[in-house]
Every structure is written in C-alpha cells, then in structure tokens.
N, C-alpha and C. Protein backbone atom coordinates (compact mmCIF):
# COMPACT_ATOMS: atom_id res chain seq x y z
N MET A 1 -11.36 -8.16 4.26
CA MET A 1 -11.97 -9.51 4.81
C MET A 1 -10.73 -10.57 4.36
N ARG A 2 -10.36 -10.57 3.11
CA ARG A 2 -9.17 -10.57 2.65
C ARG A 2 -7.80 -10.29 3.29
N ALA A 3 -7.42 -9.12 3.48
CA ALA A 3 -6.35 -8.70 4.22
C ALA A 3 -6.21 -9.23 5.72
N LEU A 4 -7.29 -9.34 6.08
CA LEU A 4 -7.11 -10.14 7.88
C LEU A 4 -7.08 -11.33 7.34
N LEU A 5 -7.89 -12.43 6.61
CA LEU A 5 -7.46 -13.46 6.49
C LEU A 5 -6.00 -13.71 6.29
N VAL A 6 -5.11 -13.19 4.96
CA VAL A 6 -4.02 -13.21 4.93
C VAL A 6 -2.90 -13.03 5.92
N ALA A 7 -3.27 -12.12 7.02
CA ALA A 7 -2.78 -11.99 8.40
C ALA A 7 -2.90 -13.18 9.35
N LEU A 8 -4.25 -13.62 9.19
CA LEU A 8 -4.24 -15.08 9.93
C LEU A 8 -3.95 -15.96 9.53
N LEU A 9 -3.56 -16.47 8.04
CA LEU A 9 -2.29 -17.38 7.70
C LEU A 9 -0.72 -17.58 8.54
N LEU A 10 -0.46 -15.65 8.93
CA LEU A 10 1.00 -15.75 9.85
C LEU A 10 0.86 -16.50 10.77
N CYS A 11 -0.36 -16.50 11.56
CA CYS A 11 -0.31 -17.18 12.67
C CYS A 11 -0.06 -18.61 12.68
N ALA A 12 1.17 -19.11 12.75
CA ALA A 12 1.73 -20.65 12.99
C ALA A 12 0.63 -21.60 13.61
N PRO A 13 -0.02 -21.47 14.44
CA PRO A 13 -0.85 -21.85 15.08
C PRO A 13 -2.55 -22.74 14.40
N LEU A 14 -2.43 -21.75 13.25
CA LEU A 14 -3.59 -21.66 12.41
C LEU A 14 -3.18 -22.98 11.18
N ARG A 15 -1.90 -22.81 11.19
CA ARG A 15 -1.73 -23.52 9.88
C ARG A 15 -1.42 -25.03 9.98
N VAL A 16 -1.80 -25.23 11.27
CA VAL A 16 -1.73 -26.88 12.27
C VAL A 16 -2.87 -27.41 11.51
N PHE A 17 -4.14 -26.51 11.26
CA PHE A 17 -4.71 -27.14 10.92
C PHE A 17 -5.49 -26.94 9.11
N ALA A 18 -4.25 -26.29 8.61
CA ALA A 18 -4.53 -26.38 7.27
C ALA A 18 -4.28 -27.63 6.57
N GLN A 19 -5.18 -28.50 5.75
CA GLN A 19 -4.70 -29.43 4.99
C GLN A 19 -3.50 -29.43 4.37
N GLU A 20 -3.13 -28.48 3.89
CA GLU A 20 -2.09 -28.78 3.00
C GLU A 20 -0.59 -28.31 3.75
N ALA A 21 -0.57 -27.93 5.00
CA ALA A 21 0.43 -27.84 5.78
C ALA A 21 0.56 -28.92 6.78
N PRO A 22 1.95 -29.25 6.51
CA PRO A 22 2.86 -30.75 7.34
C PRO A 22 2.42 -29.99 8.82
N ALA A 23 1.95 -31.34 9.43
CA ALA A 23 2.02 -31.13 10.90
C ALA A 23 3.42 -30.39 11.60
N ASP A 24 3.27 -30.00 12.39
CA ASP A 24 4.41 -29.19 13.00
C ASP A 24 4.31 -29.44 14.56
N PRO A 25 5.05 -29.79 15.23
CA PRO A 25 4.60 -30.35 16.60
C PRO A 25 4.88 -29.30 17.56
N ALA A 26 6.04 -28.29 17.21
CA ALA A 26 6.23 -27.08 17.98
C ALA A 26 4.76 -26.26 17.94
N ALA A 27 4.13 -25.59 16.47
CA ALA A 27 3.00 -24.96 16.39
C ALA A 27 1.84 -25.64 17.13
N GLU A 28 1.50 -26.86 16.75
CA GLU A 28 0.56 -27.99 17.88
C GLU A 28 0.75 -27.68 19.39
N ALA A 29 2.07 -27.40 19.92
CA ALA A 29 2.19 -26.90 21.23
C ALA A 29 1.89 -25.61 21.40
N ARG A 30 2.32 -24.69 20.50
CA ARG A 30 2.11 -23.34 20.66
C ARG A 30 0.46 -23.05 20.94
N PHE A 31 -0.72 -24.02 19.95
CA PHE A 31 -2.04 -23.65 19.84
C PHE A 31 -2.47 -24.10 20.82
N ARG A 32 -1.95 -25.45 21.51
CA ARG A 32 -2.69 -26.18 22.73
C ARG A 32 -2.38 -25.23 23.78
N ASN A 33 -1.39 -24.17 23.99
CA ASN A 33 -1.21 -23.37 24.81
C ASN A 33 -1.94 -22.15 25.13
N LEU A 34 -2.36 -21.64 23.77
CA LEU A 34 -3.12 -20.21 23.91
C LEU A 34 -4.58 -20.49 24.86
N PRO A 35 -4.53 -19.36 25.18
CA PRO A 35 -5.79 -19.54 25.79
C PRO A 35 -7.16 -20.03 25.07
N PRO A 36 -8.41 -20.59 25.63
CA PRO A 36 -9.56 -21.46 25.06
C PRO A 36 -10.38 -20.59 23.84
N GLU A 37 -10.44 -19.19 24.36
CA GLU A 37 -10.97 -18.12 23.85
C GLU A 37 -9.94 -17.62 22.37
N ARG A 38 -8.93 -18.11 22.58
CA ARG A 38 -7.84 -17.88 21.47
C ARG A 38 -7.75 -19.06 20.43
N GLN A 39 -7.97 -19.98 20.89
CA GLN A 39 -8.11 -21.46 20.20
C GLN A 39 -9.18 -21.16 19.46
N GLU A 40 -10.63 -20.97 19.75
CA GLU A 40 -11.62 -20.95 19.43
C GLU A 40 -11.99 -19.64 18.26
N GLU A 41 -10.99 -19.20 18.49
CA GLU A 41 -11.19 -18.10 17.54
C GLU A 41 -10.00 -18.45 16.13
N LEU A 42 -8.96 -18.73 16.29
CA LEU A 42 -8.46 -19.20 15.36
C LEU A 42 -9.00 -20.46 14.85
N ARG A 43 -9.77 -21.20 15.33
CA ARG A 43 -10.54 -22.44 14.51
C ARG A 43 -11.82 -22.03 13.81
N LYS A 44 -12.39 -20.47 14.41
CA LYS A 44 -13.57 -19.77 13.30
C LYS A 44 -12.77 -19.01 11.95
N LYS A 45 -11.61 -18.53 12.43
CA LYS A 45 -10.90 -17.85 11.14
C LYS A 45 -10.58 -19.25 10.35
N LEU A 46 -10.06 -20.60 10.72
CA LEU A 46 -9.86 -21.38 9.82
C LEU A 46 -10.97 -21.87 8.85
N ARG A 47 -12.42 -22.01 9.80
CA ARG A 47 -13.28 -22.15 9.05
C ARG A 47 -13.60 -21.01 7.80
N GLU A 48 -13.83 -20.06 7.83
CA GLU A 48 -13.85 -18.76 7.38
C GLU A 48 -12.72 -19.10 5.94
N LEU A 49 -11.76 -19.50 6.08
CA LEU A 49 -10.45 -19.80 5.13
C LEU A 49 -10.99 -20.60 4.77
N LYS A 50 -11.35 -21.99 5.18
CA LYS A 50 -11.85 -22.84 3.89
C LYS A 50 -12.96 -22.73 3.19
N ALA A 51 -13.84 -21.71 3.80
CA ALA A 51 -15.06 -21.66 2.88
C ALA A 51 -14.87 -20.73 1.89
N LEU A 52 -13.73 -20.22 1.37
CA LEU A 52 -13.29 -19.26 0.26
C LEU A 52 -13.10 -20.20 -0.98
N PRO A 53 -13.44 -19.43 -2.41
CA PRO A 53 -13.08 -19.97 -3.33
C PRO A 53 -11.91 -20.76 -3.34
N PRO A 54 -11.34 -22.16 -3.46
CA PRO A 54 -10.39 -22.59 -3.91
C PRO A 54 -9.33 -21.33 -4.51
N GLU A 55 -9.96 -20.66 -5.91
CA GLU A 55 -8.60 -19.66 -5.82
C GLU A 55 -8.04 -18.89 -4.76
N GLU A 56 -9.08 -18.20 -4.09
CA GLU A 56 -8.62 -17.36 -3.10
C GLU A 56 -7.98 -17.92 -2.05
N GLN A 57 -8.24 -19.11 -1.58
CA GLN A 57 -7.48 -19.88 -1.07
C GLN A 57 -5.93 -19.65 -1.60
N LYS A 58 -6.05 -20.45 -2.61
CA LYS A 58 -4.39 -20.43 -3.45
C LYS A 58 -3.64 -19.21 -3.28
N ILE A 59 -4.56 -17.99 -3.73
CA ILE A 59 -3.53 -16.59 -3.30
C ILE A 59 -3.18 -16.28 -2.19
N LEU A 60 -3.88 -16.89 -0.95
CA LEU A 60 -3.81 -16.81 0.48
C LEU A 60 -2.63 -18.05 0.75
N ARG A 61 -2.77 -19.14 0.37
CA ARG A 61 -1.32 -19.73 0.74
C ARG A 61 0.01 -19.21 -0.60
N ASP A 62 -0.34 -18.69 -1.30
CA ASP A 62 1.07 -18.21 -2.59
C ASP A 62 1.38 -16.62 -1.89
N ASN A 63 0.60 -16.04 -0.91
CA ASN A 63 0.84 -14.99 -0.19
C ASN A 63 1.66 -15.41 0.96
N LEU A 64 1.39 -16.28 1.87
CA LEU A 64 1.82 -17.30 2.77
C LEU A 64 3.61 -17.60 2.69
N SER A 65 3.66 -18.31 1.43
CA SER A 65 4.59 -18.67 0.96
C SER A 65 5.79 -17.51 0.80
N ARG A 66 5.11 -16.56 0.05
CA ARG A 66 5.66 -15.65 -0.34
C ARG A 66 6.67 -14.76 1.06
N LEU A 67 5.83 -14.46 2.18
CA LEU A 67 5.73 -14.01 3.05
C LEU A 67 7.24 -15.02 3.98
N GLN A 68 6.72 -16.29 3.96
CA GLN A 68 7.84 -17.13 4.59
C GLN A 68 9.25 -16.88 4.04
N GLY A 69 9.39 -17.00 2.44
CA GLY A 69 9.98 -16.62 2.04
C GLY A 69 11.40 -15.21 1.94
N MET A 70 10.29 -14.35 2.64
CA MET A 70 11.30 -12.73 3.02
C MET A 70 12.56 -13.33 3.83
N GLN A 71 13.52 -12.01 3.84
CA GLN A 71 14.42 -11.93 4.66
C GLN A 71 13.77 -11.60 6.39
N PRO A 72 14.33 -11.79 7.30
CA PRO A 72 13.88 -11.60 8.24
C PRO A 72 13.80 -10.26 8.66
N GLY A 73 14.32 -9.17 7.97
CA GLY A 73 14.13 -7.47 8.12
C GLY A 73 12.90 -7.38 7.02
N GLU A 74 12.70 -7.90 5.95
CA GLU A 74 11.50 -7.67 5.34
C GLU A 74 10.40 -8.09 5.85
N ARG A 75 10.37 -9.70 6.15
CA ARG A 75 9.37 -9.85 6.99
C ARG A 75 8.47 -9.15 8.14
N ASP A 76 9.54 -8.92 8.77
CA ASP A 76 9.12 -8.12 9.97
C ASP A 76 8.65 -6.48 9.74
N GLN A 77 9.15 -5.90 8.87
CA GLN A 77 8.53 -5.01 8.01
C GLN A 77 6.76 -5.19 8.08
N VAL A 78 6.43 -6.10 7.13
CA VAL A 78 5.34 -6.91 7.04
C VAL A 78 4.71 -6.87 7.85
N GLU A 79 4.71 -7.64 9.01
CA GLU A 79 4.43 -7.72 10.10
C GLU A 79 4.03 -6.43 10.71
N LYS A 80 4.96 -5.48 11.16
CA LYS A 80 4.89 -4.38 11.80
C LYS A 80 3.98 -3.48 11.43
N ASN A 81 3.72 -3.59 9.68
CA ASN A 81 2.75 -2.70 9.06
C ASN A 81 1.00 -3.57 9.23
N TYR A 82 1.50 -4.66 9.29
CA TYR A 82 0.02 -5.35 9.37
C TYR A 82 -0.45 -5.17 10.94
N ARG A 83 0.58 -4.97 12.08
CA ARG A 83 0.11 -4.90 13.46
C ARG A 83 -0.65 -3.17 13.18
N ARG A 84 0.20 -2.42 12.48
CA ARG A 84 -0.12 -1.00 12.40
C ARG A 84 -1.74 -0.91 11.59
N PHE A 85 -1.72 -1.75 10.53
CA PHE A 85 -3.22 -1.88 10.13
C PHE A 85 -4.03 -2.34 10.78
N GLN A 86 -4.14 -3.18 11.65
CA GLN A 86 -4.94 -4.04 12.78
C GLN A 86 -5.40 -2.68 14.05
N GLY A 87 -4.18 -1.96 14.30
CA GLY A 87 -4.75 -0.70 15.01
C GLY A 87 -5.29 0.17 14.98
N LEU A 88 -5.73 0.30 13.45
CA LEU A 88 -6.73 1.31 12.98
C LEU A 88 -8.34 1.08 13.37
N SER A 89 -8.94 1.90 13.25
CA SER A 89 -10.25 2.04 13.48
C SER A 89 -10.93 1.10 12.26
N PRO A 90 -12.08 0.34 12.20
CA PRO A 90 -12.52 -0.34 11.42
C PRO A 90 -12.71 0.55 10.28
N GLU A 91 -13.35 1.63 10.17
CA GLU A 91 -13.37 2.46 9.31
C GLU A 91 -12.29 2.98 8.60
N GLN A 92 -11.09 2.99 9.16
CA GLN A 92 -10.07 3.65 8.48
C GLN A 92 -9.37 2.25 7.95
N ARG A 93 -9.59 1.08 8.37
CA ARG A 93 -9.11 -0.26 7.72
C ARG A 93 -10.11 -0.59 6.30
N GLN A 94 -11.18 -0.02 6.44
CA GLN A 94 -12.36 -0.10 5.07
C GLN A 94 -11.58 0.63 4.40
N GLN A 95 -11.82 1.92 4.45
CA GLN A 95 -10.53 2.58 3.48
C GLN A 95 -9.88 2.36 2.92
N ILE A 96 -8.89 1.85 3.80
CA ILE A 96 -7.58 1.32 3.38
C ILE A 96 -7.74 0.10 2.17
N LEU A 97 -8.83 -0.55 2.48
CA LEU A 97 -9.10 -1.75 1.50
C LEU A 97 -9.83 -1.52 0.22
N GLN A 98 -10.22 -0.43 0.71
CA GLN A 98 -11.00 0.03 -0.71
C GLN A 98 -10.27 0.93 -1.53
N ARG A 99 -9.18 1.67 -0.77
CA ARG A 99 -8.55 2.35 -1.89
C ARG A 99 -7.13 1.35 -2.60
N TRP A 100 -7.13 0.12 -1.79
CA TRP A 100 -6.03 -0.64 -2.42
C TRP A 100 -7.05 -1.79 -3.62
N GLN A 101 -8.25 -1.54 -3.31
CA GLN A 101 -8.55 -2.57 -4.55
C GLN A 101 -9.10 -1.20 -5.92
N GLN A 102 -9.04 0.09 -5.58
CA GLN A 102 -9.21 1.17 -6.48
C GLN A 102 -7.65 0.72 -6.90
N PHE A 103 -6.92 0.96 -6.32
CA PHE A 103 -5.50 0.66 -7.12
C PHE A 103 -5.40 -0.80 -7.94
N ARG A 104 -5.47 -1.91 -7.58
CA ARG A 104 -5.55 -2.60 -8.16
C ARG A 104 -6.45 -3.27 -9.57
N SER A 105 -7.39 -2.16 -9.25
CA SER A 105 -7.86 -2.28 -10.87
C SER A 105 -7.67 -1.18 -11.72
N LEU A 106 -6.60 -0.28 -11.48
CA LEU A 106 -5.97 0.30 -12.54
C LEU A 106 -5.25 -0.26 -13.26
N PRO A 107 -5.17 0.17 -14.51
CA PRO A 107 -4.11 -0.10 -15.19
C PRO A 107 -2.54 -0.38 -15.24
N PRO A 108 -2.14 -1.59 -15.28
CA PRO A 108 -0.61 -1.38 -14.82
C PRO A 108 0.35 -0.70 -15.16
N GLU A 109 0.51 0.60 -16.28
CA GLU A 109 0.90 1.60 -16.33
C GLU A 109 0.99 2.92 -15.29
N LYS A 110 -0.33 2.96 -14.92
CA LYS A 110 -1.19 3.58 -14.26
C LYS A 110 -0.70 3.51 -12.76
N ARG A 111 -0.48 2.25 -12.29
CA ARG A 111 -0.10 1.79 -10.91
C ARG A 111 1.44 2.13 -10.99
N ALA A 112 2.28 1.79 -12.03
CA ALA A 112 3.64 1.91 -12.02
C ALA A 112 3.83 3.52 -11.72
N GLU A 113 2.97 4.29 -12.37
CA GLU A 113 3.38 5.53 -12.29
C GLU A 113 2.82 5.91 -10.97
N LEU A 114 2.05 5.50 -10.08
CA LEU A 114 1.71 5.54 -8.75
C LEU A 114 2.77 5.34 -7.87
N ARG A 115 3.10 4.19 -8.09
CA ARG A 115 4.65 3.65 -7.54
C ARG A 115 5.78 4.89 -7.28
N ALA A 116 5.85 4.78 -8.63
CA ALA A 116 7.00 5.73 -8.88
C ALA A 116 7.08 7.24 -8.03
N LEU A 117 5.29 7.81 -8.37
CA LEU A 117 5.31 9.17 -7.41
C LEU A 117 5.34 8.67 -5.85
N LEU A 118 5.07 7.84 -5.44
CA LEU A 118 5.26 7.05 -4.40
C LEU A 118 6.70 7.19 -3.71
N ARG A 119 7.44 6.67 -4.55
CA ARG A 119 8.95 6.29 -4.43
C ARG A 119 9.51 8.06 -4.24
N ARG A 120 9.05 8.55 -5.11
CA ARG A 120 9.55 9.98 -5.21
C ARG A 120 9.11 10.70 -3.68
N VAL A 121 8.15 10.57 -2.68
CA VAL A 121 8.15 11.07 -1.89
C VAL A 121 8.60 10.49 -0.89
N LEU A 122 9.01 9.04 -0.87
CA LEU A 122 9.40 8.30 0.24
C LEU A 122 11.20 8.73 0.02
N GLN A 123 11.50 9.05 -1.21
CA GLN A 123 12.69 9.31 -1.34
C GLN A 123 13.35 11.09 -1.11
N ALA A 124 12.39 11.65 -0.84
CA ALA A 124 12.36 13.17 -0.84
C ALA A 124 12.84 13.17 0.80
N ASP A 125 13.78 14.61 0.54
CA ASP A 125 14.14 15.13 2.28
C ASP A 125 13.24 15.19 2.90
N PRO A 126 13.38 15.50 4.19
CA PRO A 126 12.06 15.60 5.18
C PRO A 126 10.97 16.29 4.89
N ALA A 127 12.14 17.79 4.76
CA ALA A 127 11.39 18.93 4.47
C ALA A 127 9.87 18.89 2.90
N GLU A 128 11.08 18.35 1.76
CA GLU A 128 10.06 18.34 0.66
C GLU A 128 8.99 17.16 1.11
N ARG A 129 9.29 15.94 1.67
CA ARG A 129 8.66 15.08 1.81
C ARG A 129 6.92 15.68 2.81
N ALA A 130 7.39 16.44 3.47
CA ALA A 130 6.17 16.83 4.43
C ALA A 130 5.51 17.63 3.51
N GLN A 131 6.12 18.62 2.59
CA GLN A 131 5.56 19.71 1.94
C GLN A 131 4.63 18.70 0.71
N LEU A 132 5.25 17.87 0.20
CA LEU A 132 4.12 16.79 -0.95
C LEU A 132 2.96 16.28 -0.11
N LEU A 133 3.58 15.76 1.00
CA LEU A 133 2.10 15.25 1.73
C LEU A 133 0.96 16.20 2.30
N GLN A 134 1.61 17.39 2.58
CA GLN A 134 0.48 18.61 2.91
C GLN A 134 -0.28 18.88 1.59
N ASN A 135 0.47 18.97 0.28
CA ASN A 135 0.03 19.01 -0.90
C ASN A 135 -1.33 17.80 -1.26
N MET A 136 -0.78 16.41 -0.99
CA MET A 136 -1.69 15.89 -1.41
C MET A 136 -3.03 15.55 -0.26
N ASP A 137 -2.81 15.67 0.96
CA ASP A 137 -3.83 16.14 2.27
C ASP A 137 -4.76 16.78 1.04
N ARG A 138 -4.22 18.05 0.78
CA ARG A 138 -5.13 19.57 0.48
C ARG A 138 -6.00 18.95 -1.06
N TRP A 139 -5.29 18.56 -1.82
CA TRP A 139 -5.64 17.75 -3.16
C TRP A 139 -7.10 17.06 -2.95
N GLU A 140 -6.92 15.79 -1.65
CA GLU A 140 -7.98 15.51 -1.26
C GLU A 140 -9.45 15.64 -0.80
N GLN A 141 -8.89 17.15 0.03
CA GLN A 141 -9.79 17.80 0.25
C GLN A 141 -10.69 18.75 -0.37
N MET A 142 -10.21 18.81 -1.93
CA MET A 142 -10.65 19.57 -2.71
C MET A 142 -11.76 19.21 -3.34
N THR A 143 -12.96 19.59 -4.12
CA THR A 143 -13.77 19.32 -4.80
C THR A 143 -13.36 18.98 -6.14
N PRO A 144 -14.22 18.22 -7.01
CA PRO A 144 -13.56 18.39 -8.31
C PRO A 144 -13.34 19.31 -9.14
N GLU A 145 -14.45 20.44 -8.64
CA GLU A 145 -14.24 21.30 -9.31
C GLU A 145 -12.93 22.45 -9.09
N GLN A 146 -12.80 22.43 -7.90
CA GLN A 146 -11.25 22.60 -7.17
C GLN A 146 -10.13 22.12 -7.85
N ARG A 147 -10.43 21.08 -7.89
CA ARG A 147 -9.13 20.09 -8.45
C ARG A 147 -8.87 20.36 -10.24
N GLN A 148 -10.39 20.61 -10.90
CA GLN A 148 -9.52 21.20 -12.09
C GLN A 148 -9.27 22.60 -12.14
N GLU A 149 -9.82 23.61 -11.33
CA GLU A 149 -9.22 24.78 -11.00
C GLU A 149 -7.78 24.77 -10.59
N ALA A 150 -7.35 23.78 -9.82
CA ALA A 150 -6.14 24.10 -9.70
C ALA A 150 -5.13 23.57 -11.18
N ARG A 151 -5.40 22.59 -11.66
CA ARG A 151 -5.19 21.96 -12.58
C ARG A 151 -4.63 23.16 -13.93
N GLN A 152 -6.05 23.89 -13.93
CA GLN A 152 -5.80 24.76 -14.78
C GLN A 152 -4.66 26.09 -14.82
N LYS A 153 -5.10 26.37 -13.22
CA LYS A 153 -3.88 27.48 -12.79
C LYS A 153 -2.37 26.70 -12.93
N LEU A 154 -1.96 25.44 -12.98
CA LEU A 154 -0.84 24.75 -12.85
C LEU A 154 -0.35 24.97 -14.41
N GLN A 155 -1.41 24.43 -15.33
CA GLN A 155 -1.53 24.59 -16.72
C GLN A 155 -0.86 25.87 -17.32
N GLU A 156 -1.57 27.07 -16.58
CA GLU A 156 -1.34 28.42 -17.17
C GLU A 156 0.43 29.15 -16.70
N LEU A 157 0.36 27.98 -15.32
CA LEU A 157 1.78 28.87 -14.65
C LEU A 157 2.65 27.60 -15.51
N ARG A 158 2.82 26.85 -15.73
CA ARG A 158 3.74 26.24 -16.31
C ARG A 158 3.88 26.65 -18.10
N GLU A 159 2.72 27.24 -18.61
CA GLU A 159 3.02 27.80 -20.02
C GLU A 159 3.75 29.50 -19.64
N GLN A 160 3.31 29.62 -18.51
CA GLN A 160 3.98 31.29 -18.55
C GLN A 160 5.61 31.01 -18.30
N ARG A 161 5.70 29.77 -17.72
CA ARG A 161 7.43 29.87 -17.10
C ARG A 161 8.02 29.34 -18.56
N ARG A 162 7.50 28.51 -19.38
CA ARG A 162 7.73 28.15 -20.83
C ARG A 162 7.79 29.45 -21.82
N ILE A 163 6.91 30.27 -21.76
CA ILE A 163 7.28 31.51 -22.28
C ILE A 163 8.31 32.53 -22.07
N GLU A 164 8.40 32.57 -20.29
CA GLU A 164 9.91 33.30 -19.42
C GLU A 164 10.95 32.59 -19.97
N ARG A 165 11.09 31.47 -19.95
CA ARG A 165 12.35 30.38 -20.55
C ARG A 165 12.79 30.95 -21.85
N GLN A 166 11.45 31.26 -22.89
CA GLN A 166 11.68 31.08 -24.16
C GLN A 166 12.33 32.64 -24.41
N GLU A 167 11.56 33.75 -23.34
CA GLU A 167 12.07 34.78 -23.77
C GLU A 167 13.54 34.96 -23.11
N ARG A 168 14.36 34.67 -22.45
CA ARG A 168 15.65 34.64 -21.61
C ARG A 168 16.43 33.83 -22.99
N ARG A 169 16.29 32.88 -23.13
CA ARG A 169 16.96 32.19 -24.45
C ARG A 169 17.01 33.24 -25.53
N GLN A 170 15.81 33.99 -26.06
CA GLN A 170 16.02 34.75 -27.14
C GLN A 170 16.78 36.20 -26.81
N GLU A 171 16.62 36.30 -25.16
CA GLU A 171 17.80 37.79 -24.86
C GLU A 171 19.37 37.20 -25.11
N ARG A 172 19.57 35.92 -24.51
CA ARG A 172 21.12 35.74 -24.71
C ARG A 172 21.46 35.46 -25.81
N ARG A 173 20.16 34.98 -27.08
CA ARG A 173 20.99 35.19 -28.20
C ARG A 173 21.05 36.22 -29.02
N LEU A 174 20.21 37.20 -28.31
CA LEU A 174 20.71 38.72 -28.91
C LEU A 174 22.00 39.18 -28.17
N GLU A 175 21.88 38.91 -27.40
CA GLU A 175 23.19 39.25 -26.32
C GLU A 175 24.88 38.99 -27.05
N ARG A 176 24.39 37.54 -27.64
CA ARG A 176 25.58 36.75 -28.06
C ARG A 176 26.05 37.49 -29.33
N ARG A 177 25.07 37.74 -30.52
CA ARG A 177 24.78 38.50 -31.87
C ARG A 177 25.65 39.90 -31.32
N GLU A 178 25.39 40.56 -30.03
CA GLU A 178 25.82 41.77 -30.09
C GLU A 178 27.37 42.05 -29.75
N LYS A 179 27.57 40.90 -29.27
CA LYS A 179 29.29 41.06 -28.76
C LYS A 179 30.06 40.61 -30.06
C-alpha cells in the first residue's frame, strides 16, 4: 500500500490537493483536463493519503521531495521501475512488498552485506550474472533441509580445497629445499 501511495505522490495533479503543496496553475490545468474517472481516482487516493498517520505522511512527503531532487536520469529510472512494478500482478507486487519489508527489518550490517552481493551480481559479466541468478533461483526452490545440505557440501569442498592448497605449498617448499 505504501509503495502505491508513494507512486501516487508522483502525480503532479494530486499535489494540487495536498495542503502542504503550493497551488500550481499548470498542475491544476492538467488535473482539469483529466477524464472525470481519473480525477475521481486521484481524489480517492488523496483521501487515502490524508487518512495516513502524520508520520507516514511525512515519510511520503520526504520521499517525494527526494524524488524531485534527483537528476533527470535517476528520476526516469525510478519512474521506469515504478511502471514495471505496476505492470506486475497483484500477487507479484505483494511478494515484492513483503520482501522489501523483510529487508527493511534486517540489521543494518546484514542489509549492507546484501547490497554488496547485489552490486556484485549487477557488476558481473553477463555469463557470470546469468549463473549467479540461476544459482539464486535454485536456492529459492530448495527446502531448508536441502539448503543445509548444500551449505555442508560447500563447507566440505572449501575444506578440501584448503587442504589441497596446503599440500601444494608443502610440495613447493620441499622442491625449493631440494634445489
């Protein structure tokens, strides 16, 4: 719901009705030129906004202000992402909102770790990114037991590699001594 309301704040005509927003003749004109059903939809959304607690209204106003302060390219990307979000099914949108809430409830260090992992995925070359995303999908499909088993196998593999590295170092030391 909050994401929807944030997006609604992006609509310039809606700001005409917000008490905090100064009257904007161009926005008023755009609002009057909208079809009556769209005008009513915006009025309804404004009523929903005004029904929110003051703290949430402030958060939404701050988000709007931050959006308006963005460079045009950044703002275009945010709006493009919002349009993509709106194009999803209600179930997909709900799932995204739930995941966002889960993310927000994590400790700051865990959120930073996840952001770093996301940057790694986004900065990877296309083949590696495809593999990472495929692995992530596979992980999502696993049961908790399967995940634990995979973690254990990965730990065993790391230990095996550590031992092999140690053995190679030992062999190199022996070779150097023989020389």
